[in-house]
Amino acid sequence: MEDTKEKLVAAFDESILKIGRLHFGWLECTRYREHGNFHAWRWKLDTLYLELSFELERLDIENENKIYQDMIKKLDADAELYFVRGDRVKIYATLKEKEKLLRKVQQESGMGAKHRSVYEDEMD
């Protein structure tokens, strides 16, 4: 008997909403960082991690390693230690590295800036 199940595709693409959530999340991170509110910055980065978790796992699978997941775990463990110690300099450095890593995941997954040649418009 032939399989007659119809293949369905999403009628709604959520990617633009996800990019919006990421954009507003990064804005909040900037505000928290600039005001020295490290606890709020840390939790907002966790929210952004959840937004990017699928892409992060996909990139790790494509690269046949768990480098992004391992780096996030290490940064989270370091941040926890520095929060307990009250070392604001190391807290700042660790959260900054986590934000940079998450932004890299966003870029590598195609939800960041779109780059094109400066000559692209002239070729039309």
Foldseek 3Di string as FASTA:
>chain_A
DDDPDDDDDDPDDCLVVLLVLLVVLVVVLVVCLVVVVLVVNVVSLVVLCVSLVVLLVVVCVVVVHNVLVVLLVVLVVQLVVCVVVVPSVSNSVSSVVSVVSSQVSCVVSPSDDDDDDPCVVVVD
